[in-house]
Amino acid sequence: MASGFYKVPKAVNEPINSYAPGTPERKALLDTYKKMYSEKVDIPFYIGGKEFRTGNTIDIHPPHDHQHCVGQYHTADKEHIELAVKKAAEARVKWAATSWEHRAAIFLKAADLLSGPFRYKMNAATMIAQSKNVYQAEIDSACELIDFLRFNVEFMTEIYTNQPQSAPGIWNRMEYRPLEGFIYAITPFNFTAIAGNLPAAPALMGNVIIWKPASSQVYSAQVIMELFKAAGLPDGVINMVTGNSGMITDVILDSKDFSGVHFTGSTPVFNSFWETIGKNVGKYKSYPRIVGETGGKDFIWAHSSANPQEVATAISRGAFEYQGQKCSAASRAYLPKSLWPTIKSSILKDVASFKMGTPEDPTNFINAVIDNRAFKKLSGYIEEAKADADAEIIAGGGYDDSIGYFIEPTIIVTTNPHYKTMCNELFGPIITIYVYEDEKWEEILDVVDKTSEFALTGAIFSGDRYVIDIATNKLENAAGNFYINDKPTGAVVGQQPFGGARGSGTNDKAGSVWNLLRWVSNRTIKETFVTPKDYRYPFLQESTLETVEKEVESAVEKLKEFGKDLKDKFKK
């Protein structure tokens, strides 16, 4: 029972280690990486706090060395998913009733553990299984997840302190209840922070979770589960299951206790969730919350007044960091003809300087794409571009899967603003550039807006404030995260809440109060201190004037009667 109005520690963004040569964190991380790379892990799935090993396993291979095996993970059967639904319901009884400060303490502890003893293990797992370089792993699996955990606690208290006004004699309160059931969290391979936040955010608000991480992210997901356990998260609050996605989803969406989905992944898969939930809606206790961040076809647009070097750097970083495997990665660019020669020269110089290889070498800027499916898709687009008359590859275009799934950072220049790689989501180190006539800059803004079904991130570059104003207004609905004179990647928790609309999701802004609000069901409580005992409202009472008039009339009648009596007496 709470006995105070508690203030949580002020949330601040976790400092990012540089991992520069000679730093202690560089040595510590690489030593951890080498140790973990040489070991083999046996990863269970978790239901009700217990580890399950079925013997049905899938090997884990680093994308940059697909012949090497770092371990295996066990997959669940249908009965295990049914058990997870049951155990989540059992855990909810205690967890939903747990005071908010105790829930907060668990996740604040998890943040501090990740900032300290878990940091290098989490980063190394992300480097190994997701092929991120040391810096990309640091800003993702360490810093962003820490930020999610700390800021979510602060946002939770903001929500709880948002209370209604009360009239005299009345106390109005707003209660933020967890949803009546369980949440299904489905997480992607590309960000360990997202994998941690999607189950953790609803859990913080008192919900219980069945979490399915991406098959290529299970290695770091295991470390996340270890982290939550070390922080004191009770058994059954977050249940991590692995296996056939379709089977798991079918069982979960068929349960009457399903109360919401927290999703990051492809647009078609998310659309299928909407369809299935709509068909099943009559069986659920409540209307499920559907929260998703999906695809992107993110843009960079530059005006002739822009600084060409700034635009070039935004392309080099925005398109090629983490091999373009970010939902926010720049995938199409619209550049003015007058600036193109300078921008071209700069980005070609950048790309030529990129080193590509294993994350074990911190000097490698580019690593492998996630798996063979991604490799085949991306190499296919590259081969088509080589053959198409309206496309020219001016950098990259090579690929090699003999050791790992390596795709060279590739720049395609097209004469067709609707060329396939300007429209289709690629999710790899490929950017397509369309060069336009300077005077058509406003016309091209309409092309930027209408080319893609997605609306996740976008960036504009200009030195003219009037142009910035026009472009910002014209592209109002083209991106949920909009950047002025900066690359379209790198959203920071608490600073740029992340999400997009149109085909990019429900725009519920992870890293803000708006996401956490989706995981509560409000209850208004009104308490009256002096309760009425008469049904009659004042409007039913007669006014004073009416009463006086009636009394006067009554008195007059009485006087008349008295006068009549007197008259009769005198006559006698």
Protein backbone atom coordinates (compact mmCIF):
# COMPACT_ATOMS: atom_id res chain seq x y z
CA MET A 1 0.00 0.00 0.00
CA ALA A 2 1.48 3.31 -1.08
CA SER A 3 2.01 5.83 1.70
CA GLY A 4 3.36 8.72 -0.31
CA PHE A 5 3.23 10.53 -3.65
CA TYR A 6 6.51 9.26 -4.99
CA LYS A 7 8.78 11.08 -7.43
CA VAL A 8 10.70 8.81 -9.75
CA PRO A 9 14.31 9.57 -10.71
CA LYS A 10 14.49 12.14 -13.49
CA ALA A 11 14.92 10.38 -16.82
CA VAL A 12 17.93 11.42 -18.90
CA ASN A 13 19.21 9.86 -22.10
CA GLU A 14 21.93 7.28 -21.56
CA PRO A 15 25.38 8.56 -22.65
CA ILE A 16 26.71 6.79 -25.73
CA ASN A 17 30.15 5.25 -25.42
CA SER A 18 32.45 6.12 -28.30
CA TYR A 19 34.37 2.83 -28.50
CA ALA A 20 37.27 4.81 -29.90
CA PRO A 21 40.65 3.04 -30.13
CA GLY A 22 42.29 2.65 -26.72
CA THR A 23 39.08 3.08 -24.70
CA PRO A 24 38.30 0.51 -22.00
CA GLU A 25 34.77 -0.06 -23.32
CA ARG A 26 36.17 -1.02 -26.75
CA LYS A 27 38.35 -3.73 -25.21
CA ALA A 28 35.61 -4.95 -22.86
CA LEU A 29 33.04 -5.26 -25.66
CA LEU A 30 35.38 -7.00 -28.10
CA ASP A 31 36.51 -9.44 -25.40
CA THR A 32 32.85 -10.22 -24.66
CA TYR A 33 32.11 -10.60 -28.37
CA LYS A 34 34.98 -13.07 -28.89
CA LYS A 35 34.01 -15.11 -25.85
CA MET A 36 30.35 -15.35 -26.86
CA TYR A 37 31.28 -16.02 -30.50
CA SER A 38 33.31 -19.05 -29.47
CA GLU A 39 30.56 -20.49 -27.26
CA LYS A 40 27.33 -22.25 -28.13
CA VAL A 41 24.13 -21.27 -26.38
CA ASP A 42 21.03 -23.40 -25.88
CA ILE A 43 18.09 -21.00 -25.68
CA PRO A 44 14.76 -22.10 -24.22
CA PHE A 45 11.45 -20.31 -24.42
CA TYR A 46 9.81 -19.01 -21.24
CA ILE A 47 6.30 -19.61 -19.95
CA GLY A 48 5.23 -18.73 -16.42
CA GLY A 49 8.85 -18.21 -15.44
CA LYS A 50 9.87 -21.73 -16.47
CA GLU A 51 12.31 -22.65 -19.22
CA PHE A 52 11.04 -24.98 -21.93
CA ARG A 53 13.25 -27.07 -24.22
CA THR A 54 11.35 -29.19 -26.74
CA GLY A 55 14.27 -30.58 -28.70
CA ASN A 56 12.84 -28.97 -31.83
CA THR A 57 15.64 -26.52 -32.42
CA ILE A 58 16.83 -23.98 -34.97
CA ASP A 59 20.50 -23.09 -35.28
CA ILE A 60 21.72 -19.51 -34.91
CA HIS A 61 24.21 -18.34 -37.54
CA PRO A 62 25.79 -14.87 -37.64
CA PRO A 63 24.78 -13.11 -40.88
CA HIS A 64 28.41 -12.17 -41.54
CA ASP A 65 29.55 -15.80 -41.19
CA HIS A 66 26.65 -18.10 -41.99
CA GLN A 67 28.78 -21.24 -41.72
CA HIS A 68 29.50 -20.55 -38.06
CA CYS A 69 26.97 -21.65 -35.42
CA VAL A 70 26.73 -19.85 -32.07
CA GLY A 71 23.94 -21.98 -30.68
CA GLN A 72 20.34 -22.98 -31.06
CA TYR A 73 16.90 -22.08 -29.79
CA HIS A 74 13.95 -24.34 -29.02
CA THR A 75 10.55 -23.88 -30.65
CA ALA A 76 7.11 -24.18 -29.09
CA ASP A 77 4.18 -26.37 -30.06
CA LYS A 78 0.53 -25.40 -29.99
CA GLU A 79 0.01 -26.71 -26.47
CA HIS A 80 2.82 -24.48 -25.22
CA ILE A 81 1.13 -21.38 -26.61
CA GLU A 82 -2.14 -22.44 -24.99
CA LEU A 83 -0.21 -22.85 -21.73
CA ALA A 84 1.28 -19.37 -22.16
CA VAL A 85 -2.23 -17.90 -22.45
CA LYS A 86 -3.21 -19.71 -19.24
CA LYS A 87 -0.10 -18.70 -17.31
CA ALA A 88 -0.38 -15.09 -18.42
CA ALA A 89 -3.95 -14.99 -17.05
CA GLU A 90 -2.76 -16.43 -13.75
CA ALA A 91 0.10 -13.94 -13.46
CA ARG A 92 -2.21 -11.03 -14.19
CA VAL A 93 -4.06 -11.42 -10.89
CA LYS A 94 -1.06 -10.33 -8.82
CA TRP A 95 0.70 -8.15 -11.38
CA ALA A 96 -2.30 -5.93 -12.16
CA ALA A 97 -2.75 -5.37 -8.42
CA THR A 98 0.92 -4.51 -7.84
CA SER A 99 1.47 -0.88 -6.83
CA TRP A 100 2.87 1.28 -9.60
CA GLU A 101 6.03 2.17 -7.69
CA HIS A 102 7.00 -1.51 -7.45
CA ARG A 103 6.43 -2.00 -11.17
CA ALA A 104 8.48 1.11 -11.81
CA ALA A 105 11.31 -0.10 -9.57
CA ILE A 106 11.68 -3.33 -11.56
CA PHE A 107 12.16 -1.57 -14.88
CA LEU A 108 14.35 1.16 -13.40
CA LYS A 109 16.54 -1.59 -12.00
CA ALA A 110 16.60 -3.27 -15.42
CA ALA A 111 17.82 0.02 -16.93
CA ASP A 112 20.64 0.31 -14.42
CA LEU A 113 21.62 -3.33 -14.89
CA LEU A 114 21.76 -2.78 -18.65
CA SER A 115 23.78 0.38 -18.18
CA GLY A 116 26.28 -1.63 -16.13
CA PRO A 117 26.82 -5.40 -15.99
CA PHE A 118 24.57 -6.36 -18.91
CA ARG A 119 25.81 -3.72 -21.35
CA TYR A 120 28.54 -5.61 -23.16
CA LYS A 121 26.67 -8.91 -23.23
CA MET A 122 23.61 -7.25 -24.80
CA ASN A 123 25.72 -5.35 -27.32
CA ALA A 124 27.77 -8.42 -28.21
CA ALA A 125 24.67 -10.56 -28.73
CA THR A 126 23.28 -7.89 -31.07
CA MET A 127 26.56 -7.68 -32.98
CA ILE A 128 26.77 -11.46 -33.38
CA ALA A 129 23.23 -12.39 -34.39
CA GLN A 130 22.11 -9.15 -36.04
CA SER A 131 25.44 -8.07 -37.55
CA LYS A 132 25.61 -4.58 -36.10
CA ASN A 133 28.88 -2.72 -35.71
CA VAL A 134 29.99 -1.65 -32.24
CA TYR A 135 28.45 1.82 -32.45
CA GLN A 136 25.13 0.76 -33.95
CA ALA A 137 24.82 -1.90 -31.24
CA GLU A 138 25.66 0.63 -28.53
CA ILE A 139 23.02 3.17 -29.56
CA ASP A 140 20.42 0.44 -30.05
CA SER A 141 20.70 -2.46 -27.66
CA ALA A 142 22.22 -0.53 -24.78
CA CYS A 143 21.30 3.16 -24.90
CA GLU A 144 17.90 3.16 -26.57
CA LEU A 145 16.59 0.26 -24.48
CA ILE A 146 17.85 1.98 -21.32
CA ASP A 147 16.09 5.16 -22.46
CA PHE A 148 12.84 3.29 -23.11
CA LEU A 149 12.90 1.76 -19.62
CA ARG A 150 13.68 5.00 -17.79
CA PHE A 151 11.51 7.39 -19.78
CA ASN A 152 8.54 5.01 -19.76
CA VAL A 153 8.55 5.16 -15.96
CA GLU A 154 8.53 8.95 -16.08
CA PHE A 155 5.76 8.95 -18.70
CA MET A 156 3.73 6.55 -16.54
CA THR A 157 3.79 8.99 -13.64
CA GLU A 158 2.71 11.81 -15.98
CA ILE A 159 -0.27 9.72 -17.00
CA TYR A 160 -1.21 8.86 -13.43
CA THR A 161 -1.01 12.50 -12.31
CA ASN A 162 -3.41 13.59 -15.06
CA GLN A 163 -6.60 13.88 -13.01
CA PRO A 164 -10.00 15.53 -13.59
CA GLN A 165 -11.36 18.57 -11.77
CA SER A 166 -13.73 18.19 -8.81
CA ALA A 167 -16.75 20.34 -7.92
CA PRO A 168 -17.49 21.28 -4.28
CA GLY A 169 -18.59 18.28 -2.28
CA ILE A 170 -17.29 15.85 -4.91
CA TRP A 171 -13.97 14.08 -5.51
CA ASN A 172 -13.36 12.98 -9.11
CA ARG A 173 -10.53 10.54 -9.80
CA MET A 174 -9.16 8.86 -12.91
CA GLU A 175 -7.88 5.32 -12.60
CA TYR A 176 -5.63 3.90 -15.33
CA ARG A 177 -6.32 0.18 -15.30
CA PRO A 178 -4.34 -2.45 -17.20
CA LEU A 179 -6.28 -4.08 -20.02
CA GLU A 180 -8.49 -7.03 -19.15
CA GLY A 181 -6.49 -9.85 -20.71
CA PHE A 182 -3.01 -10.22 -22.19
CA ILE A 183 -0.95 -8.35 -24.80
CA TYR A 184 0.68 -10.04 -27.78
CA ALA A 185 4.06 -8.44 -28.59
CA ILE A 186 5.70 -9.22 -31.94
CA THR A 187 9.15 -7.74 -32.42
CA PRO A 188 11.56 -7.34 -35.38
CA PHE A 189 15.17 -8.36 -35.91
CA ASN A 190 16.64 -4.95 -36.54
CA PHE A 191 16.41 -3.24 -33.14
CA THR A 192 17.08 -4.96 -29.84
CA ALA A 193 15.64 -1.88 -28.12
CA ILE A 194 12.30 -2.38 -29.89
CA ALA A 195 12.38 -6.06 -28.93
CA GLY A 196 12.74 -5.05 -25.30
CA ASN A 197 10.31 -2.15 -25.31
CA LEU A 198 7.32 -3.77 -27.01
CA PRO A 199 6.74 -6.25 -24.16
CA ALA A 200 8.11 -3.97 -21.41
CA ALA A 201 5.95 -0.89 -22.08
CA PRO A 202 2.57 -2.62 -21.58
CA ALA A 203 4.01 -4.68 -18.70
CA LEU A 204 5.01 -1.48 -16.90
CA MET A 205 1.35 -0.39 -17.03
CA GLY A 206 0.26 -3.59 -15.28
CA ASN A 207 -0.38 -5.85 -18.28
CA VAL A 208 0.87 -9.39 -18.92
CA ILE A 209 2.57 -10.26 -22.18
CA ILE A 210 3.11 -13.11 -24.61
CA TRP A 211 6.15 -12.06 -26.61
CA LYS A 212 7.34 -13.53 -29.90
CA PRO A 213 10.71 -12.14 -31.00
CA ALA A 214 11.90 -12.40 -34.61
CA SER A 215 13.65 -15.69 -35.35
CA SER A 216 16.87 -13.84 -36.24
CA GLN A 217 16.82 -11.86 -32.97
CA VAL A 218 16.36 -14.67 -30.43
CA TYR A 219 19.98 -14.48 -29.24
CA SER A 220 19.63 -10.94 -27.86
CA ALA A 221 16.01 -11.68 -26.82
CA GLN A 222 17.42 -14.32 -24.48
CA VAL A 223 19.65 -11.66 -22.89
CA ILE A 224 16.60 -9.39 -22.48
CA MET A 225 14.81 -12.16 -20.58
CA GLU A 226 17.88 -12.64 -18.38
CA LEU A 227 17.89 -8.89 -17.74
CA PHE A 228 14.22 -8.78 -16.71
CA LYS A 229 14.66 -11.79 -14.45
CA ALA A 230 17.69 -10.19 -12.78
CA ALA A 231 15.62 -7.03 -12.25
CA GLY A 232 12.99 -9.02 -10.34
CA LEU A 233 10.17 -9.24 -12.89
CA PRO A 234 7.68 -11.80 -11.52
CA ASP A 235 7.13 -15.10 -13.32
CA GLY A 236 4.56 -15.06 -16.08
CA VAL A 237 4.43 -11.29 -16.61
CA ILE A 238 6.44 -11.55 -19.84
CA ASN A 239 6.34 -14.96 -21.55
CA MET A 240 8.77 -15.34 -24.46
CA VAL A 241 7.76 -17.93 -27.08
CA THR A 242 9.50 -18.97 -30.29
CA GLY A 243 8.37 -21.09 -33.21
CA ASN A 244 6.00 -21.00 -36.14
CA SER A 245 4.62 -17.47 -36.40
CA GLY A 246 1.33 -18.48 -38.01
CA MET A 247 0.56 -21.13 -35.41
CA ILE A 248 1.42 -18.86 -32.49
CA THR A 249 -0.67 -16.02 -33.88
CA ASP A 250 -3.66 -18.27 -34.61
CA VAL A 251 -3.77 -19.56 -31.02
CA ILE A 252 -3.36 -16.13 -29.49
CA LEU A 253 -5.88 -14.29 -31.66
CA ASP A 254 -8.41 -17.02 -30.98
CA SER A 255 -8.32 -16.45 -27.21
CA LYS A 256 -11.14 -14.51 -25.53
CA ASP A 257 -8.50 -12.97 -23.25
CA PHE A 258 -6.58 -11.37 -26.12
CA SER A 259 -6.67 -7.64 -25.41
CA GLY A 260 -4.09 -6.05 -27.66
CA VAL A 261 -1.18 -6.43 -30.05
CA HIS A 262 2.06 -4.46 -29.92
CA PHE A 263 3.70 -4.95 -33.29
CA THR A 264 6.70 -3.91 -35.33
CA GLY A 265 7.13 -5.61 -38.69
CA SER A 266 5.85 -5.67 -42.25
CA THR A 267 2.71 -3.90 -43.43
CA PRO A 268 1.11 -7.04 -44.99
CA VAL A 269 1.49 -9.00 -41.74
CA PHE A 270 0.02 -6.12 -39.73
CA ASN A 271 -2.88 -5.89 -42.17
CA SER A 272 -3.57 -9.59 -41.62
CA PHE A 273 -3.81 -8.93 -37.88
CA TRP A 274 -6.49 -6.30 -38.44
CA GLU A 275 -8.43 -8.68 -40.65
CA THR A 276 -8.29 -11.60 -38.20
CA ILE A 277 -9.08 -9.44 -35.18
CA GLY A 278 -12.05 -7.97 -37.03
CA LYS A 279 -13.42 -11.43 -37.81
CA ASN A 280 -12.92 -12.55 -34.20
CA VAL A 281 -14.01 -9.35 -32.48
CA GLY A 282 -17.20 -10.85 -31.09
CA LYS A 283 -15.34 -13.40 -28.98
CA TYR A 284 -13.09 -10.95 -27.12
CA LYS A 285 -13.89 -9.52 -23.69
CA SER A 286 -13.00 -6.05 -24.92
CA TYR A 287 -12.12 -4.40 -28.21
CA PRO A 288 -8.40 -5.16 -28.63
CA ARG A 289 -5.87 -2.37 -28.89
CA ILE A 290 -4.03 -2.63 -32.20
CA VAL A 291 -0.70 -0.80 -32.13
CA GLY A 292 1.80 -1.20 -34.93
CA GLU A 293 4.85 0.34 -36.59
CA THR A 294 5.29 -1.14 -40.02
CA GLY A 295 7.02 -0.33 -43.31
CA GLY A 296 8.71 2.75 -44.64
CA LYS A 297 9.97 4.28 -47.86
CA ASP A 298 11.75 7.19 -46.31
CA PHE A 299 12.90 10.20 -48.28
CA ILE A 300 15.43 12.98 -48.47
CA TRP A 301 14.42 16.07 -50.46
CA ALA A 302 16.77 18.95 -51.06
CA HIS A 303 16.21 22.47 -52.39
CA SER A 304 18.80 24.39 -54.38
CA SER A 305 19.41 26.57 -51.30
CA ALA A 306 20.61 23.55 -49.28
CA ASN A 307 24.21 22.93 -48.27
CA PRO A 308 25.36 20.12 -50.60
CA GLN A 309 27.86 18.63 -48.14
CA GLU A 310 25.17 18.37 -45.48
CA VAL A 311 22.88 16.61 -47.93
CA ALA A 312 25.62 14.19 -48.94
CA THR A 313 26.41 13.28 -45.33
CA ALA A 314 22.73 12.76 -44.60
CA ILE A 315 22.55 10.31 -47.52
CA SER A 316 25.72 8.46 -46.50
CA ARG A 317 24.57 8.03 -42.92
CA GLY A 318 20.81 7.88 -43.43
CA ALA A 319 20.90 5.29 -46.21
CA PHE A 320 23.78 3.04 -45.18
CA GLU A 321 24.06 2.85 -41.39
CA TYR A 322 23.19 -0.67 -40.31
CA GLN A 323 23.06 -1.65 -43.97
CA GLY A 324 19.88 0.37 -44.46
CA GLN A 325 17.98 -2.12 -42.28
CA LYS A 326 16.18 0.56 -40.33
CA CYS A 327 12.52 1.38 -40.68
CA SER A 328 13.66 4.99 -40.94
CA ALA A 329 16.52 4.52 -43.41
CA ALA A 330 16.68 6.89 -46.38
CA SER A 331 15.66 4.90 -49.42
CA ARG A 332 14.82 7.60 -51.99
CA ALA A 333 16.22 11.07 -52.59
CA TYR A 334 15.14 14.03 -54.71
CA LEU A 335 18.01 16.39 -55.48
CA PRO A 336 18.21 19.63 -57.49
CA LYS A 337 20.25 19.57 -60.70
CA SER A 338 22.42 22.52 -59.66
CA LEU A 339 23.66 20.73 -56.51
CA TRP A 340 23.89 17.23 -57.92
CA PRO A 341 27.52 17.31 -59.15
CA THR A 342 28.80 18.41 -55.72
CA ILE A 343 26.57 16.00 -53.81
CA LYS A 344 27.49 13.16 -56.15
CA SER A 345 31.19 13.73 -55.74
CA SER A 346 30.89 13.76 -51.96
CA ILE A 347 28.77 10.64 -51.55
CA LEU A 348 30.92 8.69 -54.02
CA LYS A 349 33.93 9.60 -51.92
CA ASP A 350 32.09 8.49 -48.77
CA VAL A 351 31.01 5.15 -50.23
CA ALA A 352 34.50 4.46 -51.53
CA SER A 353 35.83 4.90 -47.98
CA PHE A 354 33.34 2.49 -46.37
CA LYS A 355 34.88 -0.68 -44.99
CA MET A 356 32.69 -3.79 -45.02
CA GLY A 357 33.08 -6.98 -42.99
CA THR A 358 32.55 -8.60 -39.61
CA PRO A 359 31.44 -6.52 -36.57
CA GLU A 360 34.46 -7.92 -34.71
CA ASP A 361 36.53 -5.33 -36.58
CA PRO A 362 35.33 -1.94 -35.24
CA THR A 363 36.64 -0.14 -38.31
CA ASN A 364 33.98 -1.79 -40.48
CA PHE A 365 31.16 0.65 -41.18
CA ILE A 366 29.12 -1.87 -43.20
CA ASN A 367 28.26 -5.39 -42.08
CA ALA A 368 26.02 -8.14 -43.47
CA VAL A 369 22.30 -8.03 -44.18
CA ILE A 370 20.24 -10.21 -41.91
CA ASP A 371 19.70 -13.43 -43.88
CA ASN A 372 19.59 -15.22 -47.21
CA ARG A 373 16.06 -14.04 -47.99
CA ALA A 374 17.09 -10.41 -47.64
CA PHE A 375 20.25 -11.08 -49.65
CA LYS A 376 18.30 -12.57 -52.57
CA LYS A 377 15.71 -9.79 -52.56
CA LEU A 378 18.29 -7.01 -52.57
CA SER A 379 20.62 -8.61 -55.11
CA GLY A 380 17.59 -9.14 -57.34
CA TYR A 381 16.77 -5.41 -57.31
CA ILE A 382 20.41 -4.62 -58.08
CA GLU A 383 20.44 -6.92 -61.11
CA GLU A 384 17.21 -5.40 -62.41
CA ALA A 385 18.67 -1.92 -62.07
CA LYS A 386 21.71 -2.98 -64.08
CA ALA A 387 19.41 -4.03 -66.91
CA ASP A 388 16.85 -1.20 -66.84
CA ALA A 389 17.27 1.72 -69.24
CA ASP A 390 15.90 4.27 -66.78
CA ALA A 391 18.31 3.35 -63.98
CA GLU A 392 22.08 3.65 -63.51
CA ILE A 393 24.17 2.28 -60.65
CA ILE A 394 26.85 4.86 -59.86
CA ALA A 395 28.24 3.17 -56.73
CA GLY A 396 28.23 -0.36 -55.38
CA GLY A 397 26.15 -2.95 -57.15
CA GLY A 398 28.22 -5.88 -55.91
CA TYR A 399 27.19 -8.64 -53.53
CA ASP A 400 28.68 -11.84 -52.12
CA ASP A 401 27.18 -14.56 -49.91
CA SER A 402 30.11 -16.96 -49.91
CA ILE A 403 30.96 -16.19 -46.26
CA GLY A 404 28.25 -13.81 -45.13
CA TYR A 405 25.31 -11.98 -46.66
CA PHE A 406 27.16 -8.92 -47.91
CA ILE A 407 25.54 -6.31 -50.15
CA GLU A 408 27.68 -3.38 -51.24
CA PRO A 409 26.24 0.06 -50.44
CA THR A 410 24.54 0.86 -53.72
CA ILE A 411 23.42 4.15 -55.27
CA ILE A 412 20.96 4.04 -58.16
CA VAL A 413 20.25 7.17 -60.21
CA THR A 414 16.98 7.09 -62.13
CA THR A 415 15.35 9.30 -64.73
CA ASN A 416 11.94 8.04 -63.61
CA PRO A 417 10.64 9.41 -60.28
CA HIS A 418 8.33 6.38 -60.09
CA TYR A 419 11.02 3.77 -60.77
CA LYS A 420 10.42 0.58 -58.76
CA THR A 421 13.20 1.25 -56.25
CA MET A 422 11.74 4.72 -55.63
CA CYS A 423 8.45 3.11 -54.62
CA ASN A 424 9.09 -0.37 -53.15
CA GLU A 425 10.41 -0.95 -49.65
CA LEU A 426 13.85 -2.60 -49.95
CA PHE A 427 15.19 -2.66 -46.38
CA GLY A 428 18.83 -2.77 -47.36
CA PRO A 429 21.85 -0.61 -48.31
CA ILE A 430 20.33 0.76 -51.53
CA ILE A 431 19.22 4.32 -52.19
CA THR A 432 17.70 5.61 -55.41
CA ILE A 433 18.19 9.23 -56.45
CA TYR A 434 16.09 11.32 -58.82
CA VAL A 435 17.63 14.58 -60.05
CA TYR A 436 15.08 17.31 -60.83
CA GLU A 437 15.18 20.71 -62.50
CA ASP A 438 15.68 23.37 -59.83
CA GLU A 439 12.60 25.43 -60.75
CA LYS A 440 10.34 22.37 -60.33
CA TRP A 441 11.08 22.01 -56.62
CA GLU A 442 7.50 22.59 -55.51
CA GLU A 443 6.14 20.20 -58.11
CA ILE A 444 8.53 17.51 -56.90
CA LEU A 445 7.17 17.90 -53.36
CA ASP A 446 3.86 16.55 -54.66
CA VAL A 447 5.73 13.58 -56.15
CA VAL A 448 7.43 12.92 -52.81
CA ASP A 449 4.07 12.96 -51.04
CA LYS A 450 2.21 10.70 -53.48
CA THR A 451 4.87 8.18 -54.52
CA SER A 452 4.70 5.81 -51.57
CA GLU A 453 1.98 4.18 -49.47
CA PHE A 454 4.21 4.70 -46.44
CA ALA A 455 4.58 7.74 -44.21
CA LEU A 456 7.21 6.93 -41.61
CA THR A 457 10.17 9.34 -41.83
CA GLY A 458 11.36 12.02 -44.19
CA ALA A 459 13.91 14.83 -44.36
CA ILE A 460 14.07 18.15 -46.18
CA PHE A 461 17.13 20.33 -46.72
CA SER A 462 16.99 24.03 -47.47
CA GLY A 463 18.59 27.30 -46.44
CA ASP A 464 15.44 29.25 -47.32
CA ARG A 465 12.93 29.52 -44.48
CA TYR A 466 10.02 30.21 -46.87
CA VAL A 467 10.85 27.02 -48.76
CA ILE A 468 11.09 25.09 -45.48
CA ASP A 469 7.64 26.36 -44.52
CA ILE A 470 6.11 25.37 -47.87
CA ALA A 471 7.74 21.94 -47.87
CA THR A 472 6.74 21.26 -44.27
CA ASN A 473 3.10 22.01 -45.10
CA LYS A 474 3.03 20.12 -48.40
CA LEU A 475 4.54 17.04 -46.77
CA GLU A 476 2.33 17.25 -43.67
CA ASN A 477 1.07 13.68 -44.07
CA ALA A 478 4.13 12.16 -45.74
CA ALA A 479 6.05 11.35 -42.55
CA GLY A 480 5.27 10.80 -38.87
CA ASN A 481 8.86 11.78 -38.02
CA PHE A 482 9.88 14.80 -40.07
CA TYR A 483 13.42 16.21 -40.14
CA ILE A 484 14.59 19.65 -41.25
CA ASN A 485 18.24 19.80 -42.33
CA ASP A 486 19.02 16.41 -40.83
CA LYS A 487 18.95 12.76 -41.89
CA PRO A 488 15.65 10.88 -41.40
CA THR A 489 17.12 8.34 -38.94
CA GLY A 490 18.15 8.40 -35.30
CA ALA A 491 15.00 9.22 -33.33
CA VAL A 492 15.80 9.59 -29.63
CA VAL A 493 13.48 8.46 -26.82
CA GLY A 494 11.97 11.45 -25.05
CA GLN A 495 13.05 13.79 -27.85
CA GLN A 496 11.55 12.48 -31.09
CA PRO A 497 8.79 9.94 -30.29
CA PHE A 498 8.75 7.50 -33.16
CA GLY A 499 6.00 6.37 -35.53
CA GLY A 500 4.26 6.99 -38.82
CA ALA A 501 0.84 6.87 -40.44
CA ARG A 502 -0.60 5.68 -43.75
CA GLY A 503 0.92 2.28 -44.52
CA SER A 504 3.58 2.80 -41.83
CA GLY A 505 1.39 2.05 -38.84
CA THR A 506 -0.86 3.52 -36.20
CA ASN A 507 1.57 6.31 -35.20
CA ASP A 508 1.34 5.63 -31.47
CA LYS A 509 4.78 7.09 -30.88
CA ALA A 510 7.02 4.70 -29.01
CA GLY A 511 9.05 6.61 -26.45
CA SER A 512 6.19 8.83 -25.30
CA VAL A 513 3.07 8.95 -23.14
CA TRP A 514 0.94 8.33 -26.23
CA ASN A 515 2.15 4.75 -26.57
CA LEU A 516 1.69 3.96 -22.89
CA LEU A 517 -1.87 5.33 -22.97
CA ARG A 518 -2.82 2.54 -25.37
CA TRP A 519 -2.12 -0.05 -22.66
CA VAL A 520 -4.55 1.23 -20.06
CA SER A 521 -8.32 1.35 -19.78
CA ASN A 522 -9.49 4.46 -17.96
CA ARG A 523 -12.00 4.31 -15.13
CA THR A 524 -13.60 7.49 -13.83
CA ILE A 525 -14.46 7.42 -10.14
CA LYS A 526 -16.80 10.02 -8.58
CA GLU A 527 -17.18 10.16 -4.83
CA THR A 528 -19.88 12.37 -3.27
CA PHE A 529 -19.26 13.38 0.34
CA VAL A 530 -22.81 14.51 1.34
CA THR A 531 -25.30 12.36 -0.50
CA PRO A 532 -28.80 13.85 -1.26
CA LYS A 533 -31.74 12.29 0.59
CA ASP A 534 -34.63 13.89 -1.31
CA TYR A 535 -35.33 13.25 -4.95
CA ARG A 536 -36.71 16.75 -5.45
CA TYR A 537 -34.42 19.10 -7.31
CA PRO A 538 -34.70 22.84 -6.70
CA PHE A 539 -36.50 23.34 -9.97
CA LEU A 540 -39.42 21.38 -8.57
CA GLN A 541 -39.85 23.81 -5.66
CA GLU A 542 -42.11 26.85 -5.95
CA SER A 543 -40.48 30.26 -6.05
CA THR A 544 -40.81 32.75 -3.13
CA LEU A 545 -42.89 35.16 -5.21
CA GLU A 546 -45.33 32.44 -6.18
CA THR A 547 -45.61 31.41 -2.55
CA VAL A 548 -46.27 35.02 -1.40
CA GLU A 549 -48.88 35.52 -4.11
CA LYS A 550 -50.67 32.34 -3.06
CA GLU A 551 -50.51 33.38 0.59
CA VAL A 552 -51.90 36.84 -0.27
CA GLU A 553 -54.67 35.25 -2.31
CA SER A 554 -55.44 32.91 0.54
CA ALA A 555 -55.47 35.81 3.02
CA VAL A 556 -57.76 37.82 0.75
CA GLU A 557 -60.13 34.90 0.51
CA LYS A 558 -60.05 34.52 4.26
CA LEU A 559 -60.77 38.28 4.69
CA LYS A 560 -63.64 38.02 2.28
CA GLU A 561 -65.07 35.16 4.25
CA PHE A 562 -64.55 37.08 7.48
CA GLY A 563 -66.20 40.19 6.02
CA LYS A 564 -69.15 38.13 4.86
CA ASP A 565 -69.53 36.62 8.32
CA LEU A 566 -69.45 40.06 9.91
CA LYS A 567 -72.04 41.37 7.48
CA ASP A 568 -74.32 38.48 8.24
CA LYS A 569 -73.98 39.14 11.99
CA PHE A 570 -74.83 42.84 11.61
CA LYS A 571 -77.91 42.00 9.57
CA LYS A 572 -79.18 39.82 12.36
